[in-house]
Amino acid sequence: MATLLDFRRRIRSVKNTQQITRAMKFVAAARLRRAQEAALAARPFAKELARVLRSTMARIESPQHPLLAKRPEERILALVLAGERGLAGAFNTNILKTAIEFFRSKKGKKIVTIPIGKKGRDTLRKAGFEFAGEYVNVLARVDFGIAREIANLVTELYAKESVDAVYVVFSEFKNVLAPHLAVEKLLPVEAIERGEETQAEAECTQIDYIYEQPEGEILSRLLPRYVETQVLRSMLESSAAEHAARMTAMDAATQNASDVIDALTLHMNKVRQAAITKEIIEIVSGAVGTA
């Protein structure tokens, strides 16, 4: 049976763990604030770029560009954005589960991946997937240079017809408690959805602009920039979602530690009370026996 000393040691150990999880929660909260600001700031630019690209494509009768070429999807490239570290609850598991389900839906196709994040790389490597590239330690602080490098690799593989389609699997940041797992098609660039476009924005799209350069030249510049923006946005969204998941997980771990400490303290008090009662009974019994 556990002694009082064993209970005290266990309570001390849980309290030390609680201090660590509480500190990790505060660190994740600070990083989440910066990542959330970056992700929210990138959305208007991505939305406006999509609107300009949509407007340009609407003015070209039959736009021609390697990134617009549609081919039967026999070779698929998937960018899988998972976390860099653990202790984030089910964040990495959910991302990789979504990726595996997507791969299964493309059964019979050749799958090539570009893992972004250490956890995704390790898991996909163990599963035996072929890599076209890998990027680790890039989501803690997202850099546009890395996003451009990834976008250039993707567009080069697609332009050389090494792959027929490119998808991105990532966790889109909605709020701290409700991430949204997304699988978005990156290439070929198809008709961009209007989404929640307002009436004013729709009318603005139809304005007959006068371009200094030919529409085809503008399109050839917008399409690579659009891919870069989408890669950067997915990285920012995934980074914010990871920090949110880690903050939530550490908050739950801190609360669980409090519950364990309360339960151990209650049990320890019961054991101590039983020991004191037993000693009193022995003393009384001894006194009665001598009398």
C-alpha atoms as a PDB file:
ATOM      1  CA  MET A   1       0.000   0.000   0.000  1.00  0.00           C
ATOM      2  CA  ALA A   2       1.243   3.489  -0.886  1.00  0.00           C
ATOM      3  CA  THR A   3       2.580   5.481   2.039  1.00  0.00           C
ATOM      4  CA  LEU A   4       2.118   9.176   2.743  1.00  0.00           C
ATOM      5  CA  LEU A   5       5.629   9.809   1.435  1.00  0.00           C
ATOM      6  CA  ASP A   6       4.698   8.142  -1.874  1.00  0.00           C
ATOM      7  CA  PHE A   7       1.647  10.375  -2.184  1.00  0.00           C
ATOM      8  CA  ARG A   8       3.669  13.511  -1.472  1.00  0.00           C
ATOM      9  CA  ARG A   9       6.253  12.544  -4.084  1.00  0.00           C
ATOM     10  CA  ARG A  10       3.539  11.883  -6.663  1.00  0.00           C
ATOM     11  CA  ILE A  11       1.797  15.187  -5.939  1.00  0.00           C
ATOM     12  CA  ARG A  12       5.116  17.045  -6.210  1.00  0.00           C
ATOM     13  CA  SER A  13       5.797  15.336  -9.552  1.00  0.00           C
ATOM     14  CA  VAL A  14       2.364  16.243 -10.946  1.00  0.00           C
ATOM     15  CA  LYS A  15       2.765  19.850  -9.774  1.00  0.00           C
ATOM     16  CA  ASN A  16       6.105  20.081 -11.616  1.00  0.00           C
ATOM     17  CA  THR A  17       4.442  18.731 -14.758  1.00  0.00           C
ATOM     18  CA  GLN A  18       1.615  21.223 -14.317  1.00  0.00           C
ATOM     19  CA  GLN A  19       4.079  24.107 -14.202  1.00  0.00           C
ATOM     20  CA  ILE A  20       5.620  22.911 -17.469  1.00  0.00           C
ATOM     21  CA  THR A  21       2.273  22.555 -19.253  1.00  0.00           C
ATOM     22  CA  ARG A  22       1.134  25.962 -17.985  1.00  0.00           C
ATOM     23  CA  ALA A  23       4.336  27.577 -19.290  1.00  0.00           C
ATOM     24  CA  MET A  24       3.918  25.827 -22.654  1.00  0.00           C
ATOM     25  CA  LYS A  25       0.341  27.080 -22.822  1.00  0.00           C
ATOM     26  CA  PHE A  26       1.469  30.699 -22.348  1.00  0.00           C
ATOM     27  CA  VAL A  27       4.220  30.297 -24.955  1.00  0.00           C
ATOM     28  CA  ALA A  28       1.762  28.800 -27.445  1.00  0.00           C
ATOM     29  CA  ALA A  29      -0.702  31.626 -26.745  1.00  0.00           C
ATOM     30  CA  ALA A  30       1.948  34.262 -27.486  1.00  0.00           C
ATOM     31  CA  ARG A  31       2.987  32.522 -30.700  1.00  0.00           C
ATOM     32  CA  LEU A  32      -0.651  32.039 -31.678  1.00  0.00           C
ATOM     33  CA  ARG A  33      -1.313  35.768 -31.473  1.00  0.00           C
ATOM     34  CA  ARG A  34       1.486  36.535 -33.941  1.00  0.00           C
ATOM     35  CA  ALA A  35       0.574  33.644 -36.241  1.00  0.00           C
ATOM     36  CA  GLN A  36      -3.108  34.563 -36.183  1.00  0.00           C
ATOM     37  CA  GLU A  37      -2.337  38.181 -37.085  1.00  0.00           C
ATOM     38  CA  ALA A  38      -0.161  37.017 -40.000  1.00  0.00           C
ATOM     39  CA  ALA A  39      -2.799  34.571 -41.267  1.00  0.00           C
ATOM     40  CA  LEU A  40      -5.599  37.144 -41.085  1.00  0.00           C
ATOM     41  CA  ALA A  41      -3.421  39.769 -42.774  1.00  0.00           C
ATOM     42  CA  ALA A  42      -2.691  37.420 -45.703  1.00  0.00           C
ATOM     43  CA  ARG A  43      -6.338  36.696 -46.474  1.00  0.00           C
ATOM     44  CA  PRO A  44      -7.293  40.082 -48.018  1.00  0.00           C
ATOM     45  CA  PHE A  45      -4.248  40.018 -50.317  1.00  0.00           C
ATOM     46  CA  ALA A  46      -5.010  36.467 -51.460  1.00  0.00           C
ATOM     47  CA  LYS A  47      -8.661  37.391 -52.022  1.00  0.00           C
ATOM     48  CA  GLU A  48      -7.810  40.514 -54.029  1.00  0.00           C
ATOM     49  CA  LEU A  49      -5.228  38.672 -56.122  1.00  0.00           C
ATOM     50  CA  ALA A  50      -7.805  35.995 -56.907  1.00  0.00           C
ATOM     51  CA  ARG A  51     -10.260  38.716 -57.945  1.00  0.00           C
ATOM     52  CA  VAL A  52      -7.726  40.370 -60.263  1.00  0.00           C
ATOM     53  CA  LEU A  53      -6.802  36.999 -61.760  1.00  0.00           C
ATOM     54  CA  ARG A  54     -10.464  36.154 -62.257  1.00  0.00           C
ATOM     55  CA  SER A  55     -11.028  39.516 -63.929  1.00  0.00           C
ATOM     56  CA  THR A  56      -8.065  38.990 -66.261  1.00  0.00           C
ATOM     57  CA  MET A  57      -9.088  35.464 -67.223  1.00  0.00           C
ATOM     58  CA  ALA A  58     -12.625  36.685 -67.968  1.00  0.00           C
ATOM     59  CA  ARG A  59     -11.228  39.077 -70.593  1.00  0.00           C
ATOM     60  CA  ILE A  60      -9.272  36.416 -72.493  1.00  0.00           C
ATOM     61  CA  GLU A  61     -11.305  34.274 -74.838  1.00  0.00           C
ATOM     62  CA  SER A  62      -9.114  31.185 -74.522  1.00  0.00           C
ATOM     63  CA  PRO A  63      -6.285  31.765 -72.005  1.00  0.00           C
ATOM     64  CA  GLN A  64      -3.158  29.745 -72.647  1.00  0.00           C
ATOM     65  CA  HIS A  65      -0.543  29.024 -70.003  1.00  0.00           C
ATOM     66  CA  PRO A  66       1.265  25.890 -68.743  1.00  0.00           C
ATOM     67  CA  LEU A  67      -0.355  26.300 -65.319  1.00  0.00           C
ATOM     68  CA  LEU A  68      -3.808  26.253 -66.930  1.00  0.00           C
ATOM     69  CA  ALA A  69      -3.254  23.053 -68.911  1.00  0.00           C
ATOM     70  CA  LYS A  70      -5.608  20.263 -67.860  1.00  0.00           C
ATOM     71  CA  ARG A  71      -4.501  16.654 -68.129  1.00  0.00           C
ATOM     72  CA  PRO A  72      -5.903  13.349 -66.867  1.00  0.00           C
ATOM     73  CA  GLU A  73      -4.862  13.001 -63.223  1.00  0.00           C
ATOM     74  CA  GLU A  74      -2.512  10.042 -63.381  1.00  0.00           C
ATOM     75  CA  ARG A  75       0.356  11.581 -61.393  1.00  0.00           C
ATOM     76  CA  ILE A  76      -0.664  13.623 -58.357  1.00  0.00           C
ATOM     77  CA  LEU A  77       1.528  15.842 -56.210  1.00  0.00           C
ATOM     78  CA  ALA A  78       0.296  16.607 -52.692  1.00  0.00           C
ATOM     79  CA  LEU A  79       1.657  19.225 -50.302  1.00  0.00           C
ATOM     80  CA  VAL A  80       1.000  17.953 -46.772  1.00  0.00           C
ATOM     81  CA  LEU A  81       1.336  20.604 -44.070  1.00  0.00           C
ATOM     82  CA  ALA A  82       1.610  18.992 -40.630  1.00  0.00           C
ATOM     83  CA  GLY A  83       3.188  20.240 -37.423  1.00  0.00           C
ATOM     84  CA  GLU A  84       6.836  20.663 -36.541  1.00  0.00           C
ATOM     85  CA  ARG A  85       6.460  19.254 -33.016  1.00  0.00           C
ATOM     86  CA  GLY A  86       4.105  17.173 -30.931  1.00  0.00           C
ATOM     87  CA  LEU A  87       2.151  18.055 -27.786  1.00  0.00           C
ATOM     88  CA  ALA A  88      -0.587  19.569 -29.939  1.00  0.00           C
ATOM     89  CA  GLY A  89      -3.401  17.159 -29.223  1.00  0.00           C
ATOM     90  CA  ALA A  90      -4.797  15.454 -32.322  1.00  0.00           C
ATOM     91  CA  PHE A  91      -3.560  18.161 -34.708  1.00  0.00           C
ATOM     92  CA  ASN A  92      -0.928  16.103 -36.526  1.00  0.00           C
ATOM     93  CA  THR A  93      -3.025  12.936 -36.422  1.00  0.00           C
ATOM     94  CA  ASN A  94      -6.014  14.655 -38.029  1.00  0.00           C
ATOM     95  CA  ILE A  95      -3.923  16.238 -40.787  1.00  0.00           C
ATOM     96  CA  LEU A  96      -2.205  12.971 -41.678  1.00  0.00           C
ATOM     97  CA  LYS A  97      -5.479  11.061 -41.469  1.00  0.00           C
ATOM     98  CA  THR A  98      -7.033  13.509 -43.935  1.00  0.00           C
ATOM     99  CA  ALA A  99      -4.022  13.129 -46.234  1.00  0.00           C
ATOM    100  CA  ILE A 100      -4.182   9.322 -46.132  1.00  0.00           C
ATOM    101  CA  GLU A 101      -7.910   9.370 -46.875  1.00  0.00           C
ATOM    102  CA  PHE A 102      -7.245  11.656 -49.841  1.00  0.00           C
ATOM    103  CA  PHE A 103      -4.555   9.301 -51.131  1.00  0.00           C
ATOM    104  CA  ARG A 104      -6.938   6.377 -50.815  1.00  0.00           C
ATOM    105  CA  SER A 105      -9.554   8.266 -52.836  1.00  0.00           C
ATOM    106  CA  LYS A 106      -6.942   8.486 -55.616  1.00  0.00           C
ATOM    107  CA  LYS A 107      -6.286   4.757 -55.606  1.00  0.00           C
ATOM    108  CA  GLY A 108      -4.526   3.607 -58.752  1.00  0.00           C
ATOM    109  CA  LYS A 109      -2.834   6.980 -59.286  1.00  0.00           C
ATOM    110  CA  LYS A 110       0.835   7.715 -58.718  1.00  0.00           C
ATOM    111  CA  ILE A 111       1.150   9.805 -55.553  1.00  0.00           C
ATOM    112  CA  VAL A 112       4.138  12.069 -54.922  1.00  0.00           C
ATOM    113  CA  THR A 113       4.280  14.241 -51.813  1.00  0.00           C
ATOM    114  CA  ILE A 114       6.082  17.300 -50.509  1.00  0.00           C
ATOM    115  CA  PRO A 115       5.827  17.201 -46.703  1.00  0.00           C
ATOM    116  CA  ILE A 116       6.015  20.573 -44.967  1.00  0.00           C
ATOM    117  CA  GLY A 117       6.642  20.037 -41.273  1.00  0.00           C
ATOM    118  CA  LYS A 118       8.724  17.469 -39.421  1.00  0.00           C
ATOM    119  CA  LYS A 119       5.842  15.320 -38.158  1.00  0.00           C
ATOM    120  CA  GLY A 120       4.382  14.916 -41.624  1.00  0.00           C
ATOM    121  CA  ARG A 121       7.751  14.088 -43.127  1.00  0.00           C
ATOM    122  CA  ASP A 122       8.504  11.387 -40.568  1.00  0.00           C
ATOM    123  CA  THR A 123       5.096   9.735 -40.871  1.00  0.00           C
ATOM    124  CA  LEU A 124       4.958   9.813 -44.688  1.00  0.00           C
ATOM    125  CA  ARG A 125       8.520   8.511 -44.911  1.00  0.00           C
ATOM    126  CA  LYS A 126       7.628   5.531 -42.707  1.00  0.00           C
ATOM    127  CA  ALA A 127       4.566   4.921 -44.890  1.00  0.00           C
ATOM    128  CA  GLY A 128       6.840   4.671 -47.930  1.00  0.00           C
ATOM    129  CA  PHE A 129       5.606   7.658 -49.973  1.00  0.00           C
ATOM    130  CA  GLU A 130       7.800   9.173 -52.655  1.00  0.00           C
ATOM    131  CA  PHE A 131       9.038  12.690 -51.958  1.00  0.00           C
ATOM    132  CA  ALA A 132       9.548  15.420 -54.543  1.00  0.00           C
ATOM    133  CA  GLY A 133      11.043  17.570 -51.783  1.00  0.00           C
ATOM    134  CA  GLU A 134      10.759  18.145 -48.056  1.00  0.00           C
ATOM    135  CA  TYR A 135      10.694  21.210 -45.834  1.00  0.00           C
ATOM    136  CA  VAL A 136      11.067  21.064 -42.058  1.00  0.00           C
ATOM    137  CA  ASN A 137      11.373  23.770 -39.409  1.00  0.00           C
ATOM    138  CA  VAL A 138       9.672  26.294 -41.704  1.00  0.00           C
ATOM    139  CA  LEU A 139       6.271  26.686 -39.993  1.00  0.00           C
ATOM    140  CA  ALA A 140       7.408  28.058 -36.645  1.00  0.00           C
ATOM    141  CA  ARG A 141       8.112  31.348 -38.402  1.00  0.00           C
ATOM    142  CA  VAL A 142       6.736  31.361 -41.927  1.00  0.00           C
ATOM    143  CA  ASP A 143       8.984  33.081 -44.463  1.00  0.00           C
ATOM    144  CA  PHE A 144       7.834  34.231 -47.900  1.00  0.00           C
ATOM    145  CA  GLY A 145      11.151  33.113 -49.398  1.00  0.00           C
ATOM    146  CA  ILE A 146      10.434  29.494 -48.416  1.00  0.00           C
ATOM    147  CA  ALA A 147       6.874  29.759 -49.754  1.00  0.00           C
ATOM    148  CA  ARG A 148       8.222  31.069 -53.068  1.00  0.00           C
ATOM    149  CA  GLU A 149      10.767  28.243 -53.219  1.00  0.00           C
ATOM    150  CA  ILE A 150       8.026  25.654 -52.692  1.00  0.00           C
ATOM    151  CA  ALA A 151       5.791  27.370 -55.268  1.00  0.00           C
ATOM    152  CA  ASN A 152       8.624  27.456 -57.822  1.00  0.00           C
ATOM    153  CA  LEU A 153       9.255  23.734 -57.316  1.00  0.00           C
ATOM    154  CA  VAL A 154       5.563  22.948 -57.722  1.00  0.00           C
ATOM    155  CA  THR A 155       5.104  25.063 -60.853  1.00  0.00           C
ATOM    156  CA  GLU A 156       8.273  23.644 -62.393  1.00  0.00           C
ATOM    157  CA  LEU A 157       7.114  20.061 -61.872  1.00  0.00           C
ATOM    158  CA  TYR A 158       3.704  20.878 -63.325  1.00  0.00           C
ATOM    159  CA  ALA A 159       5.051  22.851 -66.284  1.00  0.00           C
ATOM    160  CA  LYS A 160       7.419  19.974 -67.182  1.00  0.00           C
ATOM    161  CA  GLU A 161       4.390  17.612 -67.008  1.00  0.00           C
ATOM    162  CA  SER A 162       6.048  15.551 -64.274  1.00  0.00           C
ATOM    163  CA  VAL A 163       2.728  15.734 -62.417  1.00  0.00           C
ATOM    164  CA  ASP A 164      -0.824  16.217 -63.660  1.00  0.00           C
ATOM    165  CA  ALA A 165      -2.389  17.868 -60.596  1.00  0.00           C
ATOM    166  CA  VAL A 166      -1.264  19.495 -57.359  1.00  0.00           C
ATOM    167  CA  TYR A 167      -3.245  19.482 -54.102  1.00  0.00           C
ATOM    168  CA  VAL A 168      -2.632  21.064 -50.695  1.00  0.00           C
ATOM    169  CA  VAL A 169      -3.646  19.323 -47.462  1.00  0.00           C
ATOM    170  CA  PHE A 170      -3.605  21.666 -44.474  1.00  0.00           C
ATOM    171  CA  SER A 171      -5.540  22.879 -41.453  1.00  0.00           C
ATOM    172  CA  GLU A 172      -7.253  26.187 -42.092  1.00  0.00           C
ATOM    173  CA  PHE A 173      -7.420  28.394 -39.012  1.00  0.00           C
ATOM    174  CA  LYS A 174     -11.007  29.264 -38.070  1.00  0.00           C
ATOM    175  CA  ASN A 175     -10.763  29.806 -34.326  1.00  0.00           C
ATOM    176  CA  VAL A 176      -8.963  28.302 -31.370  1.00  0.00           C
ATOM    177  CA  LEU A 177     -11.444  25.471 -30.848  1.00  0.00           C
ATOM    178  CA  ALA A 178     -12.569  24.665 -34.394  1.00  0.00           C
ATOM    179  CA  PRO A 179      -9.856  24.125 -37.042  1.00  0.00           C
ATOM    180  CA  HIS A 180     -10.963  23.236 -40.540  1.00  0.00           C
ATOM    181  CA  LEU A 181      -9.142  20.460 -42.388  1.00  0.00           C
ATOM    182  CA  ALA A 182      -8.943  21.352 -46.065  1.00  0.00           C
ATOM    183  CA  VAL A 183      -7.841  19.649 -49.276  1.00  0.00           C
ATOM    184  CA  GLU A 184      -7.544  22.297 -51.981  1.00  0.00           C
ATOM    185  CA  LYS A 185      -6.569  21.919 -55.612  1.00  0.00           C
ATOM    186  CA  LEU A 186      -3.641  24.184 -56.443  1.00  0.00           C
ATOM    187  CA  LEU A 187      -2.857  23.215 -60.038  1.00  0.00           C
ATOM    188  CA  PRO A 188      -4.093  23.413 -62.686  1.00  0.00           C
ATOM    189  CA  VAL A 189      -5.489  26.832 -61.914  1.00  0.00           C
ATOM    190  CA  GLU A 190      -9.153  26.486 -62.722  1.00  0.00           C
ATOM    191  CA  ALA A 191     -12.037  28.932 -62.612  1.00  0.00           C
ATOM    192  CA  ILE A 192     -11.587  30.672 -59.267  1.00  0.00           C
ATOM    193  CA  GLU A 193     -14.684  30.547 -57.141  1.00  0.00           C
ATOM    194  CA  ARG A 194     -16.281  33.851 -56.288  1.00  0.00           C
ATOM    195  CA  GLY A 195     -17.062  32.622 -52.768  1.00  0.00           C
ATOM    196  CA  GLU A 196     -18.554  35.369 -50.644  1.00  0.00           C
ATOM    197  CA  GLU A 197     -17.949  38.090 -53.212  1.00  0.00           C
ATOM    198  CA  THR A 198     -20.168  41.102 -52.683  1.00  0.00           C
ATOM    199  CA  GLN A 199     -22.239  42.741 -55.410  1.00  0.00           C
ATOM    200  CA  ALA A 200     -19.820  45.688 -55.530  1.00  0.00           C
ATOM    201  CA  GLU A 201     -16.849  43.342 -55.995  1.00  0.00           C
ATOM    202  CA  ALA A 202     -18.682  41.454 -58.728  1.00  0.00           C
ATOM    203  CA  GLU A 203     -19.390  44.701 -60.555  1.00  0.00           C
ATOM    204  CA  CYS A 204     -15.780  45.760 -60.113  1.00  0.00           C
ATOM    205  CA  THR A 205     -14.651  42.505 -61.736  1.00  0.00           C
ATOM    206  CA  GLN A 206     -16.640  43.372 -64.852  1.00  0.00           C
ATOM    207  CA  ILE A 207     -15.080  46.825 -65.249  1.00  0.00           C
ATOM    208  CA  ASP A 208     -13.324  47.119 -68.602  1.00  0.00           C
ATOM    209  CA  TYR A 209      -9.791  48.033 -67.544  1.00  0.00           C
ATOM    210  CA  ILE A 210      -7.189  49.377 -69.948  1.00  0.00           C
ATOM    211  CA  TYR A 211      -4.017  47.327 -69.472  1.00  0.00           C
ATOM    212  CA  GLU A 212      -0.581  48.665 -70.317  1.00  0.00           C
ATOM    213  CA  GLN A 213       0.582  45.147 -71.181  1.00  0.00           C
ATOM    214  CA  PRO A 214      -1.320  42.525 -73.160  1.00  0.00           C
ATOM    215  CA  GLU A 215      -3.713  40.424 -71.089  1.00  0.00           C
ATOM    216  CA  GLY A 216      -1.712  37.286 -71.839  1.00  0.00           C
ATOM    217  CA  GLU A 217       1.478  38.791 -70.433  1.00  0.00           C
ATOM    218  CA  ILE A 218      -0.325  39.942 -67.300  1.00  0.00           C
ATOM    219  CA  LEU A 219      -1.803  36.468 -66.898  1.00  0.00           C
ATOM    220  CA  SER A 220       1.631  34.852 -67.168  1.00  0.00           C
ATOM    221  CA  ARG A 221       2.782  37.035 -64.273  1.00  0.00           C
ATOM    222  CA  LEU A 222      -0.319  36.658 -62.143  1.00  0.00           C
ATOM    223  CA  LEU A 223      -0.506  32.859 -62.242  1.00  0.00           C
ATOM    224  CA  PRO A 224       2.890  32.153 -60.581  1.00  0.00           C
ATOM    225  CA  ARG A 225       2.196  34.898 -58.038  1.00  0.00           C
ATOM    226  CA  TYR A 226      -1.201  33.348 -57.341  1.00  0.00           C
ATOM    227  CA  VAL A 227       0.428  29.963 -56.629  1.00  0.00           C
ATOM    228  CA  GLU A 228       2.982  31.629 -54.331  1.00  0.00           C
ATOM    229  CA  THR A 229       0.191  33.390 -52.456  1.00  0.00           C
ATOM    230  CA  GLN A 230      -1.813  30.206 -51.993  1.00  0.00           C
ATOM    231  CA  VAL A 231       1.219  28.306 -50.682  1.00  0.00           C
ATOM    232  CA  LEU A 232       2.064  31.159 -48.295  1.00  0.00           C
ATOM    233  CA  ARG A 233      -1.540  31.387 -47.099  1.00  0.00           C
ATOM    234  CA  SER A 234      -1.754  27.641 -46.410  1.00  0.00           C
ATOM    235  CA  MET A 235       1.516  27.787 -44.447  1.00  0.00           C
ATOM    236  CA  LEU A 236       0.300  30.728 -42.358  1.00  0.00           C
ATOM    237  CA  GLU A 237      -3.061  29.071 -41.728  1.00  0.00           C
ATOM    238  CA  SER A 238      -1.408  25.790 -40.733  1.00  0.00           C
ATOM    239  CA  SER A 239       1.046  27.546 -38.405  1.00  0.00           C
ATOM    240  CA  ALA A 240      -1.760  29.393 -36.613  1.00  0.00           C
ATOM    241  CA  ALA A 241      -3.842  26.211 -36.353  1.00  0.00           C
ATOM    242  CA  GLU A 242      -0.895  24.303 -34.849  1.00  0.00           C
ATOM    243  CA  HIS A 243      -0.272  26.940 -32.174  1.00  0.00           C
ATOM    244  CA  ALA A 244      -3.999  27.025 -31.375  1.00  0.00           C
ATOM    245  CA  ALA A 245      -4.088  23.232 -31.038  1.00  0.00           C
ATOM    246  CA  ARG A 246      -1.017  23.242 -28.792  1.00  0.00           C
ATOM    247  CA  MET A 247      -2.441  25.979 -26.574  1.00  0.00           C
ATOM    248  CA  THR A 248      -5.703  24.070 -26.211  1.00  0.00           C
ATOM    249  CA  ALA A 249      -3.886  20.797 -25.491  1.00  0.00           C
ATOM    250  CA  MET A 250      -1.630  22.374 -22.842  1.00  0.00           C
ATOM    251  CA  ASP A 251      -4.613  24.087 -21.224  1.00  0.00           C
ATOM    252  CA  ALA A 252      -6.389  20.728 -21.004  1.00  0.00           C
ATOM    253  CA  ALA A 253      -3.227  19.090 -19.628  1.00  0.00           C
ATOM    254  CA  THR A 254      -2.923  21.800 -16.962  1.00  0.00           C
ATOM    255  CA  GLN A 255      -6.530  21.289 -15.924  1.00  0.00           C
ATOM    256  CA  ASN A 256      -6.088  17.520 -15.852  1.00  0.00           C
ATOM    257  CA  ALA A 257      -3.031  17.946 -13.622  1.00  0.00           C
ATOM    258  CA  SER A 258      -5.150  19.996 -11.209  1.00  0.00           C
ATOM    259  CA  ASP A 259      -7.743  17.224 -11.129  1.00  0.00           C
ATOM    260  CA  VAL A 260      -5.046  14.609 -10.465  1.00  0.00           C
ATOM    261  CA  ILE A 261      -3.554  16.718  -7.671  1.00  0.00           C
ATOM    262  CA  ASP A 262      -6.980  17.125  -6.043  1.00  0.00           C
ATOM    263  CA  ALA A 263      -7.668  13.384  -6.273  1.00  0.00           C
ATOM    264  CA  LEU A 264      -4.251  12.460  -4.870  1.00  0.00           C
ATOM    265  CA  THR A 265      -4.585  14.995  -2.049  1.00  0.00           C
ATOM    266  CA  LEU A 266      -8.008  13.635  -1.114  1.00  0.00           C
ATOM    267  CA  HIS A 267      -6.729  10.053  -1.141  1.00  0.00           C
ATOM    268  CA  MET A 268      -3.640  11.036   0.857  1.00  0.00           C
ATOM    269  CA  ASN A 269      -5.818  12.732   3.492  1.00  0.00           C
ATOM    270  CA  LYS A 270      -7.978   9.620   3.742  1.00  0.00           C
ATOM    271  CA  VAL A 271      -4.910   7.430   4.234  1.00  0.00           C
ATOM    272  CA  ARG A 272      -3.496   9.827   6.846  1.00  0.00           C
ATOM    273  CA  GLN A 273      -6.817   9.989   8.656  1.00  0.00           C
ATOM    274  CA  ALA A 274      -7.042   6.202   8.675  1.00  0.00           C
ATOM    275  CA  ALA A 275      -3.510   5.984  10.074  1.00  0.00           C
ATOM    276  CA  ILE A 276      -4.287   8.503  12.819  1.00  0.00           C
ATOM    277  CA  THR A 277      -7.527   6.691  13.700  1.00  0.00           C
ATOM    278  CA  LYS A 278      -5.640   3.403  13.863  1.00  0.00           C
ATOM    279  CA  GLU A 279      -3.017   4.885  16.206  1.00  0.00           C
ATOM    280  CA  ILE A 280      -5.723   6.347  18.481  1.00  0.00           C
ATOM    281  CA  ILE A 281      -7.471   2.956  18.650  1.00  0.00           C
ATOM    282  CA  GLU A 282      -4.173   1.244  19.513  1.00  0.00           C
ATOM    283  CA  ILE A 283      -3.449   3.803  22.242  1.00  0.00           C
ATOM    284  CA  VAL A 284      -6.964   3.485  23.714  1.00  0.00           C
ATOM    285  CA  SER A 285      -6.797  -0.295  23.536  1.00  0.00           C
ATOM    286  CA  GLY A 286      -3.441  -0.272  25.297  1.00  0.00           C
ATOM    287  CA  ALA A 287      -4.732   2.037  28.012  1.00  0.00           C
ATOM    288  CA  VAL A 288      -7.779  -0.162  28.595  1.00  0.00           C
ATOM    289  CA  GLY A 289      -5.626  -3.249  28.740  1.00  0.00           C
ATOM    290  CA  THR A 290      -3.323  -1.815  31.404  1.00  0.00           C
ATOM    291  CA  ALA A 291      -6.275  -0.618  33.447  1.00  0.00           C
END
